[in-house]
N, C-alpha and C. Protein backbone atom coordinates (compact mmCIF):
# COMPACT_ATOMS: atom_id res chain seq x y z
N MET A 1 -50.34 56.26 12.34
CA MET A 1 -49.99 55.18 13.23
C MET A 1 -50.65 53.90 12.72
N THR A 2 -49.90 52.83 12.64
CA THR A 2 -50.45 51.56 12.18
C THR A 2 -51.06 50.78 13.34
N SER A 3 -52.00 49.93 13.00
CA SER A 3 -52.63 49.09 14.03
C SER A 3 -51.64 48.05 14.51
N PRO A 4 -51.65 47.74 15.80
CA PRO A 4 -50.74 46.71 16.31
C PRO A 4 -51.15 45.33 15.81
N THR A 5 -50.17 44.47 15.67
CA THR A 5 -50.43 43.07 15.36
C THR A 5 -50.02 42.24 16.56
N ILE A 6 -50.68 41.11 16.72
CA ILE A 6 -50.41 40.22 17.85
C ILE A 6 -49.97 38.87 17.31
N SER A 7 -48.84 38.38 17.80
CA SER A 7 -48.35 37.05 17.44
C SER A 7 -48.27 36.21 18.71
N ARG A 8 -48.79 35.01 18.64
CA ARG A 8 -48.71 34.08 19.77
C ARG A 8 -47.78 32.94 19.37
N LEU A 9 -46.78 32.68 20.22
CA LEU A 9 -45.75 31.69 19.91
C LEU A 9 -45.71 30.63 21.00
N ASN A 10 -45.60 29.38 20.58
CA ASN A 10 -45.43 28.27 21.52
C ASN A 10 -44.32 27.36 21.00
N PRO A 11 -43.05 27.67 21.35
CA PRO A 11 -41.95 26.82 20.89
C PRO A 11 -42.12 25.40 21.39
N PRO A 12 -41.89 24.40 20.55
CA PRO A 12 -42.05 23.01 20.98
C PRO A 12 -41.15 22.64 22.15
N GLU A 13 -40.02 23.35 22.32
CA GLU A 13 -39.12 23.05 23.43
C GLU A 13 -39.74 23.37 24.79
N LEU A 14 -40.81 24.18 24.80
CA LEU A 14 -41.46 24.56 26.06
C LEU A 14 -42.74 23.79 26.30
N GLY A 15 -43.08 22.85 25.43
CA GLY A 15 -44.29 22.07 25.61
C GLY A 15 -45.52 22.83 25.15
N SER A 16 -46.67 22.17 25.21
CA SER A 16 -47.92 22.77 24.77
C SER A 16 -48.79 23.11 25.97
N PRO A 17 -48.90 24.39 26.30
CA PRO A 17 -49.71 24.77 27.45
C PRO A 17 -51.20 24.68 27.13
N PRO A 18 -52.01 24.35 28.11
CA PRO A 18 -53.45 24.29 27.88
C PRO A 18 -54.10 25.66 28.02
N GLY A 19 -54.60 26.22 26.93
CA GLY A 19 -55.39 27.43 27.01
C GLY A 19 -54.66 28.77 26.99
N TYR A 20 -53.35 28.78 26.79
CA TYR A 20 -52.64 30.05 26.71
C TYR A 20 -51.40 29.88 25.84
N SER A 21 -50.77 30.98 25.49
CA SER A 21 -49.54 30.96 24.69
C SER A 21 -48.36 31.25 25.59
N GLN A 22 -47.24 30.60 25.29
CA GLN A 22 -46.01 30.83 26.06
C GLN A 22 -45.49 32.25 25.85
N ILE A 23 -45.62 32.75 24.63
CA ILE A 23 -45.08 34.07 24.28
C ILE A 23 -46.14 34.82 23.48
N VAL A 24 -46.32 36.11 23.80
CA VAL A 24 -47.18 36.98 23.00
C VAL A 24 -46.35 38.19 22.62
N GLU A 25 -46.27 38.46 21.32
CA GLU A 25 -45.54 39.62 20.83
C GLU A 25 -46.54 40.57 20.19
N ILE A 26 -46.48 41.83 20.59
CA ILE A 26 -47.34 42.85 20.01
C ILE A 26 -46.44 43.84 19.29
N THR A 27 -46.67 44.03 18.00
CA THR A 27 -45.87 44.99 17.25
C THR A 27 -46.61 46.31 17.18
N ALA A 28 -46.19 47.21 17.97
CA ALA A 28 -46.64 48.60 18.02
C ALA A 28 -45.56 49.25 18.86
N GLY A 29 -44.43 49.44 18.28
CA GLY A 29 -43.20 49.50 19.02
C GLY A 29 -42.85 48.03 19.14
N ARG A 30 -42.38 47.59 20.26
CA ARG A 30 -42.14 46.16 20.44
C ARG A 30 -42.27 45.83 21.90
N ILE A 31 -43.27 45.06 22.21
CA ILE A 31 -43.50 44.57 23.56
C ILE A 31 -43.66 43.08 23.47
N ILE A 32 -42.95 42.35 24.31
CA ILE A 32 -43.08 40.89 24.33
C ILE A 32 -43.51 40.49 25.73
N PHE A 33 -44.56 39.70 25.80
CA PHE A 33 -45.03 39.16 27.06
C PHE A 33 -44.69 37.68 27.09
N ILE A 34 -44.07 37.21 28.15
CA ILE A 34 -43.76 35.79 28.30
C ILE A 34 -44.53 35.30 29.51
N SER A 35 -45.28 34.22 29.31
CA SER A 35 -46.10 33.69 30.40
C SER A 35 -45.22 33.16 31.52
N GLY A 36 -45.83 32.93 32.67
CA GLY A 36 -45.12 32.39 33.81
C GLY A 36 -44.50 31.05 33.47
N GLN A 37 -43.20 30.97 33.56
CA GLN A 37 -42.50 29.73 33.24
C GLN A 37 -42.31 28.90 34.51
N THR A 38 -42.43 27.62 34.35
CA THR A 38 -42.24 26.70 35.46
C THR A 38 -41.13 25.73 35.12
N ALA A 39 -40.81 24.85 36.04
CA ALA A 39 -39.69 23.91 35.86
C ALA A 39 -40.15 22.66 35.14
N VAL A 40 -40.72 22.84 33.93
CA VAL A 40 -41.11 21.68 33.13
C VAL A 40 -40.32 21.68 31.84
N ASP A 41 -40.07 20.46 31.33
CA ASP A 41 -39.34 20.32 30.08
C ASP A 41 -40.33 20.30 28.90
N ALA A 42 -39.82 20.04 27.71
CA ALA A 42 -40.65 20.05 26.50
C ALA A 42 -41.75 19.00 26.53
N GLU A 43 -41.56 17.94 27.32
CA GLU A 43 -42.58 16.89 27.42
C GLU A 43 -43.57 17.17 28.56
N GLY A 44 -43.41 18.29 29.24
CA GLY A 44 -44.30 18.63 30.34
C GLY A 44 -43.96 17.97 31.66
N LYS A 45 -42.75 17.38 31.75
CA LYS A 45 -42.32 16.72 32.98
C LYS A 45 -41.58 17.71 33.88
N VAL A 46 -41.86 17.64 35.18
CA VAL A 46 -41.19 18.50 36.15
C VAL A 46 -39.71 18.11 36.21
N VAL A 47 -38.87 19.11 36.15
CA VAL A 47 -37.42 18.90 36.24
C VAL A 47 -36.99 19.21 37.67
N GLY A 48 -36.22 18.33 38.28
CA GLY A 48 -35.65 18.58 39.59
C GLY A 48 -36.66 18.58 40.73
N LYS A 49 -37.52 17.59 40.75
CA LYS A 49 -38.49 17.50 41.83
C LYS A 49 -37.76 17.55 43.18
N HIS A 50 -38.19 18.43 44.06
CA HIS A 50 -37.58 18.65 45.38
C HIS A 50 -36.16 19.21 45.31
N ASP A 51 -35.78 19.82 44.16
CA ASP A 51 -34.45 20.40 44.00
C ASP A 51 -34.61 21.82 43.45
N PHE A 52 -34.63 22.80 44.36
CA PHE A 52 -34.89 24.19 43.97
C PHE A 52 -33.92 24.67 42.90
N THR A 53 -32.63 24.36 43.04
CA THR A 53 -31.63 24.83 42.08
C THR A 53 -31.91 24.30 40.69
N ALA A 54 -32.20 23.01 40.57
CA ALA A 54 -32.50 22.41 39.27
C ALA A 54 -33.76 23.03 38.67
N GLN A 55 -34.74 23.30 39.51
CA GLN A 55 -35.98 23.91 39.01
C GLN A 55 -35.73 25.33 38.51
N ALA A 56 -34.95 26.10 39.28
CA ALA A 56 -34.64 27.47 38.86
C ALA A 56 -33.87 27.46 37.54
N GLU A 57 -32.91 26.54 37.40
CA GLU A 57 -32.15 26.44 36.15
C GLU A 57 -33.08 26.13 34.98
N GLN A 58 -34.07 25.26 35.18
CA GLN A 58 -35.01 24.92 34.11
C GLN A 58 -35.87 26.12 33.75
N VAL A 59 -36.31 26.87 34.75
CA VAL A 59 -37.12 28.07 34.48
C VAL A 59 -36.32 29.05 33.63
N PHE A 60 -35.07 29.32 33.99
CA PHE A 60 -34.26 30.26 33.22
C PHE A 60 -33.91 29.70 31.85
N HIS A 61 -33.76 28.40 31.74
CA HIS A 61 -33.57 27.76 30.43
C HIS A 61 -34.81 28.02 29.56
N ASN A 62 -35.99 27.82 30.13
CA ASN A 62 -37.23 28.06 29.40
C ASN A 62 -37.37 29.52 28.99
N LEU A 63 -37.01 30.44 29.90
CA LEU A 63 -37.07 31.87 29.56
C LEU A 63 -36.11 32.20 28.42
N SER A 64 -34.95 31.59 28.42
CA SER A 64 -33.98 31.83 27.34
C SER A 64 -34.53 31.35 26.00
N ILE A 65 -35.17 30.19 25.99
CA ILE A 65 -35.79 29.68 24.76
C ILE A 65 -36.85 30.65 24.27
N ALA A 66 -37.70 31.11 25.18
CA ALA A 66 -38.77 32.03 24.81
C ALA A 66 -38.19 33.32 24.24
N CYS A 67 -37.17 33.87 24.88
CA CYS A 67 -36.56 35.11 24.40
C CYS A 67 -35.94 34.93 23.02
N ARG A 68 -35.17 33.84 22.84
CA ARG A 68 -34.55 33.59 21.54
C ARG A 68 -35.61 33.44 20.45
N ARG A 69 -36.69 32.73 20.74
CA ARG A 69 -37.75 32.51 19.75
C ARG A 69 -38.38 33.82 19.33
N ALA A 70 -38.42 34.79 20.23
CA ALA A 70 -39.01 36.09 19.93
C ALA A 70 -37.95 37.10 19.48
N ASP A 71 -36.74 36.63 19.16
CA ASP A 71 -35.63 37.49 18.77
C ASP A 71 -35.35 38.59 19.79
N ALA A 72 -35.36 38.20 21.04
CA ALA A 72 -35.04 39.12 22.14
C ALA A 72 -33.86 38.53 22.92
N ARG A 73 -33.22 39.37 23.69
CA ARG A 73 -32.12 38.87 24.51
C ARG A 73 -32.66 38.29 25.81
N PRO A 74 -32.11 37.15 26.24
CA PRO A 74 -32.54 36.57 27.53
C PRO A 74 -32.18 37.52 28.67
N PRO A 75 -32.89 37.42 29.78
CA PRO A 75 -32.56 38.25 30.93
C PRO A 75 -31.18 37.88 31.48
N THR A 76 -30.52 38.85 32.07
CA THR A 76 -29.23 38.58 32.71
C THR A 76 -29.38 38.89 34.20
N LEU A 77 -28.61 38.18 34.97
CA LEU A 77 -28.64 38.40 36.42
C LEU A 77 -27.41 39.17 36.86
């Protein structure tokens, strides 16, 4: 059995988080952890202030970016 490797990814489209990585991929099999996504754009600005639908759309947009960057399929509803 090989030792797992850890990759931390921060796509520029998701902004630069302070103190954590947006995506962590561990290769030992394949497990991808995606941090809690919020309704912020690449510049760190809140999208759709006081608009739940716009915020939810931004969160799922961010999740899709994270999944694509990690060569995974985005979640489907």
